[in-house]
Every structure is written in structure tokens, then in C-alpha cells.
Amino acid sequence: MTSRQGSHPKNTGTSAVSGWTLGWSFAGDQRISTAWNAAVTQSGSAVTARDAGWNGALAPGATASFGFQATYSGTNEAPTRFTLNGGVCA
């Protein structure tokens, strides 16, 4: 099966962010095959998405958008915990 997903890192702080890295882990056996608007790497269940350079600057309240395509078998549970630049997202 194939799943198309998207994500939108958002700067909820009061200072601009220069470069972002979003991290999460899949609960199942999802495997990312392609991505756009971010450099995405996966090691086991752990995934890291880094800005593509041109979309790395986030003013307060701003978002960036990227997507990926993944395969899976069994359940396709959504991740429950994300980090942005190492900090846990609320």
C-alpha cells in the first residue's frame, strides 16, 4: 500500500528560526520512498526532515510545508510525538 502524507512545521515562538529539522518515529513498518520540499532520511522507524534551504527561514507564526510518499503493510498509525530543532512539539 502507498500513503501520501504531509507536514507543516510551525514556528510558535517569538523569534525567527533559521533552518528547521523535524523529527518523529513511526509506530508501524512505514518506509519513506520519496519526499519533496525537505531532505528526509529514515533509520529504522526514526525519521528526520530538514529544510530544503529555500524554505528554512520561519518568521514567528510562519509554517513550512513538505510531503512524502511511504509504503507500509498492516496498520498505518500516525506518529504521536514530533520534535522541531530538538525540542518536543506541543
PDB file of N, CA and C in Angstrom:
ATOM      1  N   MET A   1       0.844  -1.178   0.000  1.00  0.00           N
ATOM      2  CA  MET A   1       0.000   0.000   0.000  1.00  0.00           C
ATOM      3  C   MET A   1       0.886   1.236   0.000  1.00  0.00           C
ATOM      4  N   THR A   2       0.333   2.324  -0.461  1.00  0.00           N
ATOM      5  CA  THR A   2       1.071   3.580  -0.505  1.00  0.00           C
ATOM      6  C   THR A   2       0.301   4.638   0.253  1.00  0.00           C
ATOM      7  N   SER A   3       1.006   5.445   0.974  1.00  0.00           N
ATOM      8  CA  SER A   3       0.387   6.514   1.746  1.00  0.00           C
ATOM      9  C   SER A   3       1.042   7.831   1.394  1.00  0.00           C
ATOM     10  N   ARG A   4       0.251   8.843   1.167  1.00  0.00           N
ATOM     11  CA  ARG A   4       0.779  10.181   0.907  1.00  0.00           C
ATOM     12  C   ARG A   4       0.516  11.013   2.150  1.00  0.00           C
ATOM     13  N   GLN A   5       1.556  11.604   2.678  1.00  0.00           N
ATOM     14  CA  GLN A   5       1.470  12.348   3.923  1.00  0.00           C
ATOM     15  C   GLN A   5       1.987  13.760   3.699  1.00  0.00           C
ATOM     16  N   GLY A   6       1.701  14.647   4.624  1.00  0.00           N
ATOM     17  CA  GLY A   6       2.240  15.996   4.585  1.00  0.00           C
ATOM     18  C   GLY A   6       2.497  16.487   5.985  1.00  0.00           C
ATOM     19  N   SER A   7       3.330  17.478   6.094  1.00  0.00           N
ATOM     20  CA  SER A   7       3.627  18.032   7.395  1.00  0.00           C
ATOM     21  C   SER A   7       3.888  19.513   7.257  1.00  0.00           C
ATOM     22  N   HIS A   8       3.660  20.226   8.334  1.00  0.00           N
ATOM     23  CA  HIS A   8       3.790  21.672   8.321  1.00  0.00           C
ATOM     24  C   HIS A   8       4.460  22.146   9.607  1.00  0.00           C
ATOM     25  N   PRO A   9       5.801  22.137   9.660  1.00  0.00           N
ATOM     26  CA  PRO A   9       6.457  22.694  10.845  1.00  0.00           C
ATOM     27  C   PRO A   9       6.052  24.154  11.018  1.00  0.00           C
ATOM     28  N   LYS A  10       5.728  24.541  12.240  1.00  0.00           N
ATOM     29  CA  LYS A  10       5.294  25.910  12.518  1.00  0.00           C
ATOM     30  C   LYS A  10       6.147  26.500  13.625  1.00  0.00           C
ATOM     31  N   ASN A  11       6.578  27.734  13.421  1.00  0.00           N
ATOM     32  CA  ASN A  11       7.333  28.464  14.433  1.00  0.00           C
ATOM     33  C   ASN A  11       6.332  29.138  15.363  1.00  0.00           C
ATOM     34  N   THR A  12       6.143  28.575  16.549  1.00  0.00           N
ATOM     35  CA  THR A  12       5.210  29.155  17.527  1.00  0.00           C
ATOM     36  C   THR A  12       5.918  30.098  18.493  1.00  0.00           C
ATOM     37  N   GLY A  13       7.211  30.302  18.294  1.00  0.00           N
ATOM     38  CA  GLY A  13       7.974  31.184  19.170  1.00  0.00           C
ATOM     39  C   GLY A  13       7.855  32.644  18.763  1.00  0.00           C
ATOM     40  N   THR A  14       8.628  33.482  19.424  1.00  0.00           N
ATOM     41  CA  THR A  14       8.601  34.922  19.155  1.00  0.00           C
ATOM     42  C   THR A  14       9.815  35.386  18.358  1.00  0.00           C
ATOM     43  N   SER A  15      10.748  34.464  18.085  1.00  0.00           N
ATOM     44  CA  SER A  15      11.940  34.785  17.296  1.00  0.00           C
ATOM     45  C   SER A  15      11.933  33.979  16.008  1.00  0.00           C
ATOM     46  N   ALA A  16      12.568  34.531  14.991  1.00  0.00           N
ATOM     47  CA  ALA A  16      12.675  33.823  13.711  1.00  0.00           C
ATOM     48  C   ALA A  16      13.530  32.571  13.869  1.00  0.00           C
ATOM     49  N   VAL A  17      13.235  31.557  13.084  1.00  0.00           N
ATOM     50  CA  VAL A  17      14.019  30.325  13.037  1.00  0.00           C
ATOM     51  C   VAL A  17      14.768  30.317  11.715  1.00  0.00           C
ATOM     52  N   SER A  18      16.061  30.068  11.784  1.00  0.00           N
ATOM     53  CA  SER A  18      16.870  29.986  10.572  1.00  0.00           C
ATOM     54  C   SER A  18      17.309  28.540  10.405  1.00  0.00           C
ATOM     55  N   GLY A  19      16.529  27.780   9.693  1.00  0.00           N
ATOM     56  CA  GLY A  19      16.779  26.358   9.492  1.00  0.00           C
ATOM     57  C   GLY A  19      15.960  25.518  10.457  1.00  0.00           C
ATOM     58  N   TRP A  20      15.308  24.486   9.936  1.00  0.00           N
ATOM     59  CA  TRP A  20      14.490  23.624  10.788  1.00  0.00           C
ATOM     60  C   TRP A  20      14.759  22.158  10.486  1.00  0.00           C
ATOM     61  N   THR A  21      14.601  21.361  11.533  1.00  0.00           N
ATOM     62  CA  THR A  21      14.695  19.903  11.440  1.00  0.00           C
ATOM     63  C   THR A  21      13.533  19.333  12.223  1.00  0.00           C
ATOM     64  N   LEU A  22      12.699  18.580  11.551  1.00  0.00           N
ATOM     65  CA  LEU A  22      11.542  17.949  12.175  1.00  0.00           C
ATOM     66  C   LEU A  22      11.843  16.466  12.326  1.00  0.00           C
ATOM     67  N   GLY A  23      11.593  15.923  13.511  1.00  0.00           N
ATOM     68  CA  GLY A  23      11.845  14.507  13.755  1.00  0.00           C
ATOM     69  C   GLY A  23      10.611  13.809  14.293  1.00  0.00           C
ATOM     70  N   TRP A  24      10.492  12.527  13.963  1.00  0.00           N
ATOM     71  CA  TRP A  24       9.409  11.702  14.503  1.00  0.00           C
ATOM     72  C   TRP A  24       9.772  10.236  14.289  1.00  0.00           C
ATOM     73  N   SER A  25       9.004   9.357  14.909  1.00  0.00           N
ATOM     74  CA  SER A  25       9.167   7.918  14.713  1.00  0.00           C
ATOM     75  C   SER A  25       7.832   7.311  14.337  1.00  0.00           C
ATOM     76  N   PHE A  26       7.875   6.378  13.402  1.00  0.00           N
ATOM     77  CA  PHE A  26       6.676   5.655  13.026  1.00  0.00           C
ATOM     78  C   PHE A  26       6.427   4.526  14.017  1.00  0.00           C
ATOM     79  N   ALA A  27       5.166   4.231  14.261  1.00  0.00           N
ATOM     80  CA  ALA A  27       4.804   3.127  15.158  1.00  0.00           C
ATOM     81  C   ALA A  27       4.788   1.798  14.425  1.00  0.00           C
ATOM     82  N   GLY A  28       4.565   1.837  13.111  1.00  0.00           N
ATOM     83  CA  GLY A  28       4.476   0.607  12.326  1.00  0.00           C
ATOM     84  C   GLY A  28       5.699   0.401  11.460  1.00  0.00           C
ATOM     85  N   ASP A  29       5.491  -0.237  10.314  1.00  0.00           N
ATOM     86  CA  ASP A  29       6.607  -0.544   9.427  1.00  0.00           C
ATOM     87  C   ASP A  29       6.662   0.388   8.215  1.00  0.00           C
ATOM     88  N   GLN A  30       6.215   1.623   8.387  1.00  0.00           N
ATOM     89  CA  GLN A  30       6.229   2.588   7.290  1.00  0.00           C
ATOM     90  C   GLN A  30       7.655   2.849   6.820  1.00  0.00           C
ATOM     91  N   ARG A  31       7.818   2.966   5.504  1.00  0.00           N
ATOM     92  CA  ARG A  31       9.109   3.262   4.901  1.00  0.00           C
ATOM     93  C   ARG A  31       8.929   4.357   3.863  1.00  0.00           C
ATOM     94  N   ILE A  32       9.641   5.456   4.051  1.00  0.00           N
ATOM     95  CA  ILE A  32       9.541   6.579   3.124  1.00  0.00           C
ATOM     96  C   ILE A  32      10.300   6.240   1.843  1.00  0.00           C
ATOM     97  N   SER A  33       9.643   6.494   0.710  1.00  0.00           N
ATOM     98  CA  SER A  33      10.281   6.218  -0.576  1.00  0.00           C
ATOM     99  C   SER A  33      10.675   7.500  -1.309  1.00  0.00           C
ATOM    100  N   THR A  34       9.886   8.550  -1.210  1.00  0.00           N
ATOM    101  CA  THR A  34      10.212   9.831  -1.840  1.00  0.00           C
ATOM    102  C   THR A  34       9.713  10.965  -0.953  1.00  0.00           C
ATOM    103  N   ALA A  35      10.315  12.137  -1.132  1.00  0.00           N
ATOM    104  CA  ALA A  35       9.896  13.324  -0.373  1.00  0.00           C
ATOM    105  C   ALA A  35      10.108  14.554  -1.232  1.00  0.00           C
ATOM    106  N   TRP A  36       9.400  15.627  -0.894  1.00  0.00           N
ATOM    107  CA  TRP A  36       9.559  16.890  -1.607  1.00  0.00           C
ATOM    108  C   TRP A  36       9.522  18.039  -0.610  1.00  0.00           C
ATOM    109  N   ASN A  37      10.226  19.095  -0.929  1.00  0.00           N
ATOM    110  CA  ASN A  37      10.349  20.319  -0.131  1.00  0.00           C
ATOM    111  C   ASN A  37      11.062  20.113   1.200  1.00  0.00           C
ATOM    112  N   ALA A  38      11.759  18.983   1.366  1.00  0.00           N
ATOM    113  CA  ALA A  38      12.590  18.717   2.542  1.00  0.00           C
ATOM    114  C   ALA A  38      13.535  17.573   2.201  1.00  0.00           C
ATOM    115  N   ALA A  39      14.658  17.528   2.901  1.00  0.00           N
ATOM    116  CA  ALA A  39      15.583  16.396   2.792  1.00  0.00           C
ATOM    117  C   ALA A  39      15.210  15.419   3.896  1.00  0.00           C
ATOM    118  N   VAL A  40      14.638  14.291   3.530  1.00  0.00           N
ATOM    119  CA  VAL A  40      14.113  13.336   4.506  1.00  0.00           C
ATOM    120  C   VAL A  40      14.992  12.092   4.527  1.00  0.00           C
ATOM    121  N   THR A  41      15.384  11.689   5.747  1.00  0.00           N
ATOM    122  CA  THR A  41      16.145  10.460   5.935  1.00  0.00           C
ATOM    123  C   THR A  41      15.417   9.601   6.959  1.00  0.00           C
ATOM    124  N   GLN A  42      15.630   8.295   6.870  1.00  0.00           N
ATOM    125  CA  GLN A  42      14.979   7.365   7.789  1.00  0.00           C
ATOM    126  C   GLN A  42      15.971   6.299   8.207  1.00  0.00           C
ATOM    127  N   SER A  43      15.996   6.022   9.508  1.00  0.00           N
ATOM    128  CA  SER A  43      16.813   4.952  10.060  1.00  0.00           C
ATOM    129  C   SER A  43      15.910   4.121  10.957  1.00  0.00           C
ATOM    130  N   GLY A  44      15.531   2.943  10.482  1.00  0.00           N
ATOM    131  CA  GLY A  44      14.544   2.149  11.218  1.00  0.00           C
ATOM    132  C   GLY A  44      13.217   2.892  11.223  1.00  0.00           C
ATOM    133  N   SER A  45      12.659   3.113  12.399  1.00  0.00           N
ATOM    134  CA  SER A  45      11.385   3.846  12.492  1.00  0.00           C
ATOM    135  C   SER A  45      11.581   5.353  12.635  1.00  0.00           C
ATOM    136  N   ALA A  46      12.819   5.790  12.926  1.00  0.00           N
ATOM    137  CA  ALA A  46      13.102   7.210  13.161  1.00  0.00           C
ATOM    138  C   ALA A  46      13.278   7.962  11.842  1.00  0.00           C
ATOM    139  N   VAL A  47      12.589   9.112  11.732  1.00  0.00           N
ATOM    140  CA  VAL A  47      12.614   9.924  10.520  1.00  0.00           C
ATOM    141  C   VAL A  47      13.079  11.334  10.863  1.00  0.00           C
ATOM    142  N   THR A  48      13.887  11.916  10.000  1.00  0.00           N
ATOM    143  CA  THR A  48      14.319  13.298  10.137  1.00  0.00           C
ATOM    144  C   THR A  48      14.068  14.010   8.818  1.00  0.00           C
ATOM    145  N   ALA A  49      13.409  15.160   8.897  1.00  0.00           N
ATOM    146  CA  ALA A  49      13.173  16.006   7.721  1.00  0.00           C
ATOM    147  C   ALA A  49      13.851  17.343   7.967  1.00  0.00           C
ATOM    148  N   ARG A  50      14.728  17.738   7.057  1.00  0.00           N
ATOM    149  CA  ARG A  50      15.437  19.023   7.162  1.00  0.00           C
ATOM    150  C   ARG A  50      14.970  19.946   6.050  1.00  0.00           C
ATOM    151  N   ASP A  51      14.967  21.239   6.360  1.00  0.00           N
ATOM    152  CA  ASP A  51      14.531  22.212   5.359  1.00  0.00           C
ATOM    153  C   ASP A  51      15.330  22.058   4.077  1.00  0.00           C
ATOM    154  N   ALA A  52      14.754  22.531   2.987  1.00  0.00           N
ATOM    155  CA  ALA A  52      15.373  22.408   1.669  1.00  0.00           C
ATOM    156  C   ALA A  52      16.258  23.606   1.330  1.00  0.00           C
ATOM    157  N   GLY A  53      16.554  24.432   2.300  1.00  0.00           N
ATOM    158  CA  GLY A  53      17.372  25.623   2.060  1.00  0.00           C
ATOM    159  C   GLY A  53      16.491  26.826   1.787  1.00  0.00           C
ATOM    160  N   TRP A  54      15.776  26.793   0.713  1.00  0.00           N
ATOM    161  CA  TRP A  54      14.917  27.920   0.333  1.00  0.00           C
ATOM    162  C   TRP A  54      13.725  28.087   1.271  1.00  0.00           C
ATOM    163  N   ASN A  55      13.359  27.056   2.052  1.00  0.00           N
ATOM    164  CA  ASN A  55      12.216  27.158   2.967  1.00  0.00           C
ATOM    165  C   ASN A  55      12.639  27.031   4.432  1.00  0.00           C
ATOM    166  N   GLY A  56      13.900  27.355   4.707  1.00  0.00           N
ATOM    167  CA  GLY A  56      14.420  27.192   6.063  1.00  0.00           C
ATOM    168  C   GLY A  56      14.129  28.325   7.021  1.00  0.00           C
ATOM    169  N   ALA A  57      13.886  29.534   6.521  1.00  0.00           N
ATOM    170  CA  ALA A  57      13.632  30.678   7.403  1.00  0.00           C
ATOM    171  C   ALA A  57      12.147  30.730   7.763  1.00  0.00           C
ATOM    172  N   LEU A  58      11.867  30.679   9.067  1.00  0.00           N
ATOM    173  CA  LEU A  58      10.483  30.752   9.541  1.00  0.00           C
ATOM    174  C   LEU A  58      10.332  31.925  10.503  1.00  0.00           C
ATOM    175  N   ALA A  59       9.592  32.928  10.090  1.00  0.00           N
ATOM    176  CA  ALA A  59       9.274  34.042  10.978  1.00  0.00           C
ATOM    177  C   ALA A  59       8.316  33.529  12.060  1.00  0.00           C
ATOM    178  N   PRO A  60       8.177  34.262  13.168  1.00  0.00           N
ATOM    179  CA  PRO A  60       7.201  33.844  14.180  1.00  0.00           C
ATOM    180  C   PRO A  60       5.819  33.649  13.553  1.00  0.00           C
ATOM    181  N   GLY A  61       5.205  32.500  13.824  1.00  0.00           N
ATOM    182  CA  GLY A  61       3.883  32.182  13.291  1.00  0.00           C
ATOM    183  C   GLY A  61       3.898  31.565  11.903  1.00  0.00           C
ATOM    184  N   ALA A  62       5.059  31.535  11.246  1.00  0.00           N
ATOM    185  CA  ALA A  62       5.152  31.016   9.881  1.00  0.00           C
ATOM    186  C   ALA A  62       5.240  29.491   9.875  1.00  0.00           C
ATOM    187  N   THR A  63       4.849  28.897   8.762  1.00  0.00           N
ATOM    188  CA  THR A  63       4.946  27.452   8.587  1.00  0.00           C
ATOM    189  C   THR A  63       5.723  27.137   7.319  1.00  0.00           C
ATOM    190  N   ALA A  64       6.220  25.919   7.245  1.00  0.00           N
ATOM    191  CA  ALA A  64       6.810  25.371   6.034  1.00  0.00           C
ATOM    192  C   ALA A  64       6.017  24.113   5.709  1.00  0.00           C
ATOM    193  N   SER A  65       6.000  23.761   4.459  1.00  0.00           N
ATOM    194  CA  SER A  65       5.230  22.592   4.053  1.00  0.00           C
ATOM    195  C   SER A  65       6.115  21.641   3.263  1.00  0.00           C
ATOM    196  N   PHE A  66       6.018  20.355   3.581  1.00  0.00           N
ATOM    197  CA  PHE A  66       6.696  19.334   2.798  1.00  0.00           C
ATOM    198  C   PHE A  66       5.827  18.086   2.804  1.00  0.00           C
ATOM    199  N   GLY A  67       6.167  17.167   1.961  1.00  0.00           N
ATOM    200  CA  GLY A  67       5.398  15.935   1.891  1.00  0.00           C
ATOM    201  C   GLY A  67       6.287  14.764   1.571  1.00  0.00           C
ATOM    202  N   PHE A  68       5.719  13.580   1.697  1.00  0.00           N
ATOM    203  CA  PHE A  68       6.458  12.373   1.356  1.00  0.00           C
ATOM    204  C   PHE A  68       5.486  11.276   0.979  1.00  0.00           C
ATOM    205  N   GLN A  69       6.032  10.289   0.322  1.00  0.00           N
ATOM    206  CA  GLN A  69       5.275   9.103  -0.022  1.00  0.00           C
ATOM    207  C   GLN A  69       5.950   7.934   0.683  1.00  0.00           C
ATOM    208  N   ALA A  70       5.126   7.057   1.259  1.00  0.00           N
ATOM    209  CA  ALA A  70       5.672   5.928   2.012  1.00  0.00           C
ATOM    210  C   ALA A  70       4.877   4.671   1.729  1.00  0.00           C
ATOM    211  N   THR A  71       5.513   3.558   1.983  1.00  0.00           N
ATOM    212  CA  THR A  71       4.832   2.274   1.878  1.00  0.00           C
ATOM    213  C   THR A  71       4.678   1.689   3.274  1.00  0.00           C
ATOM    214  N   TYR A  72       3.726   0.799   3.417  1.00  0.00           N
ATOM    215  CA  TYR A  72       3.515   0.124   4.687  1.00  0.00           C
ATOM    216  C   TYR A  72       2.693  -1.131   4.446  1.00  0.00           C
ATOM    217  N   SER A  73       2.719  -2.026   5.419  1.00  0.00           N
ATOM    218  CA  SER A  73       1.808  -3.156   5.439  1.00  0.00           C
ATOM    219  C   SER A  73       1.248  -3.220   6.854  1.00  0.00           C
ATOM    220  N   GLY A  74       0.062  -3.735   6.992  1.00  0.00           N
ATOM    221  CA  GLY A  74      -0.567  -3.734   8.312  1.00  0.00           C
ATOM    222  C   GLY A  74      -1.193  -2.381   8.588  1.00  0.00           C
ATOM    223  N   THR A  75      -1.054  -1.903   9.808  1.00  0.00           N
ATOM    224  CA  THR A  75      -1.654  -0.628  10.185  1.00  0.00           C
ATOM    225  C   THR A  75      -0.766   0.536   9.780  1.00  0.00           C
ATOM    226  N   ASN A  76      -1.363   1.697   9.613  1.00  0.00           N
ATOM    227  CA  ASN A  76      -0.652   2.909   9.219  1.00  0.00           C
ATOM    228  C   ASN A  76      -0.924   3.980  10.268  1.00  0.00           C
ATOM    229  N   GLU A  77      -0.468   3.735  11.474  1.00  0.00           N
ATOM    230  CA  GLU A  77      -0.713   4.659  12.581  1.00  0.00           C
ATOM    231  C   GLU A  77       0.123   5.923  12.426  1.00  0.00           C
ATOM    232  N   ALA A  78      -0.496   7.036  12.759  1.00  0.00           N
ATOM    233  CA  ALA A  78       0.201   8.322  12.711  1.00  0.00           C
ATOM    234  C   ALA A  78       1.168   8.441  13.889  1.00  0.00           C
ATOM    235  N   PRO A  79       2.303   9.094  13.684  1.00  0.00           N
ATOM    236  CA  PRO A  79       3.221   9.340  14.802  1.00  0.00           C
ATOM    237  C   PRO A  79       2.537  10.181  15.881  1.00  0.00           C
ATOM    238  N   THR A  80       2.944   9.998  17.115  1.00  0.00           N
ATOM    239  CA  THR A  80       2.316  10.721  18.227  1.00  0.00           C
ATOM    240  C   THR A  80       3.227  11.772  18.838  1.00  0.00           C
ATOM    241  N   ARG A  81       4.499  11.795  18.478  1.00  0.00           N
ATOM    242  CA  ARG A  81       5.447  12.750  19.061  1.00  0.00           C
ATOM    243  C   ARG A  81       6.343  13.288  17.953  1.00  0.00           C
ATOM    244  N   PHE A  82       6.499  14.600  17.931  1.00  0.00           N
ATOM    245  CA  PHE A  82       7.368  15.265  16.960  1.00  0.00           C
ATOM    246  C   PHE A  82       8.337  16.177  17.697  1.00  0.00           C
ATOM    247  N   THR A  83       9.503  16.380  17.102  1.00  0.00           N
ATOM    248  CA  THR A  83      10.452  17.367  17.620  1.00  0.00           C
ATOM    249  C   THR A  83      10.752  18.367  16.499  1.00  0.00           C
ATOM    250  N   LEU A  84      10.979  19.603  16.883  1.00  0.00           N
ATOM    251  CA  LEU A  84      11.391  20.647  15.948  1.00  0.00           C
ATOM    252  C   LEU A  84      12.680  21.248  16.491  1.00  0.00           C
ATOM    253  N   ASN A  85      13.757  21.088  15.732  1.00  0.00           N
ATOM    254  CA  ASN A  85      15.093  21.547  16.153  1.00  0.00           C
ATOM    255  C   ASN A  85      15.456  21.021  17.526  1.00  0.00           C
ATOM    256  N   GLY A  86      15.076  19.771  17.796  1.00  0.00           N
ATOM    257  CA  GLY A  86      15.434  19.108  19.039  1.00  0.00           C
ATOM    258  C   GLY A  86      14.454  19.278  20.170  1.00  0.00           C
ATOM    259  N   GLY A  87      13.540  20.236  20.095  1.00  0.00           N
ATOM    260  CA  GLY A  87      12.553  20.451  21.153  1.00  0.00           C
ATOM    261  C   GLY A  87      11.261  19.727  20.835  1.00  0.00           C
ATOM    262  N   VAL A  88      10.629  19.173  21.859  1.00  0.00           N
ATOM    263  CA  VAL A  88       9.369  18.459  21.660  1.00  0.00           C
ATOM    264  C   VAL A  88       8.275  19.439  21.291  1.00  0.00           C
ATOM    265  N   CYS A  89       7.510  19.107  20.255  1.00  0.00           N
ATOM    266  CA  CYS A  89       6.408  19.956  19.799  1.00  0.00           C
ATOM    267  C   CYS A  89       5.216  19.777  20.732  1.00  0.00           C
ATOM    268  N   ALA A  90       4.539  20.894  20.968  1.00  0.00           N
ATOM    269  CA  ALA A  90       3.351  20.852  21.839  1.00  0.00           C
ATOM    270  C   ALA A  90       2.138  20.473  21.051  1.00  0.00           C
TER     271      ALA A  90
END
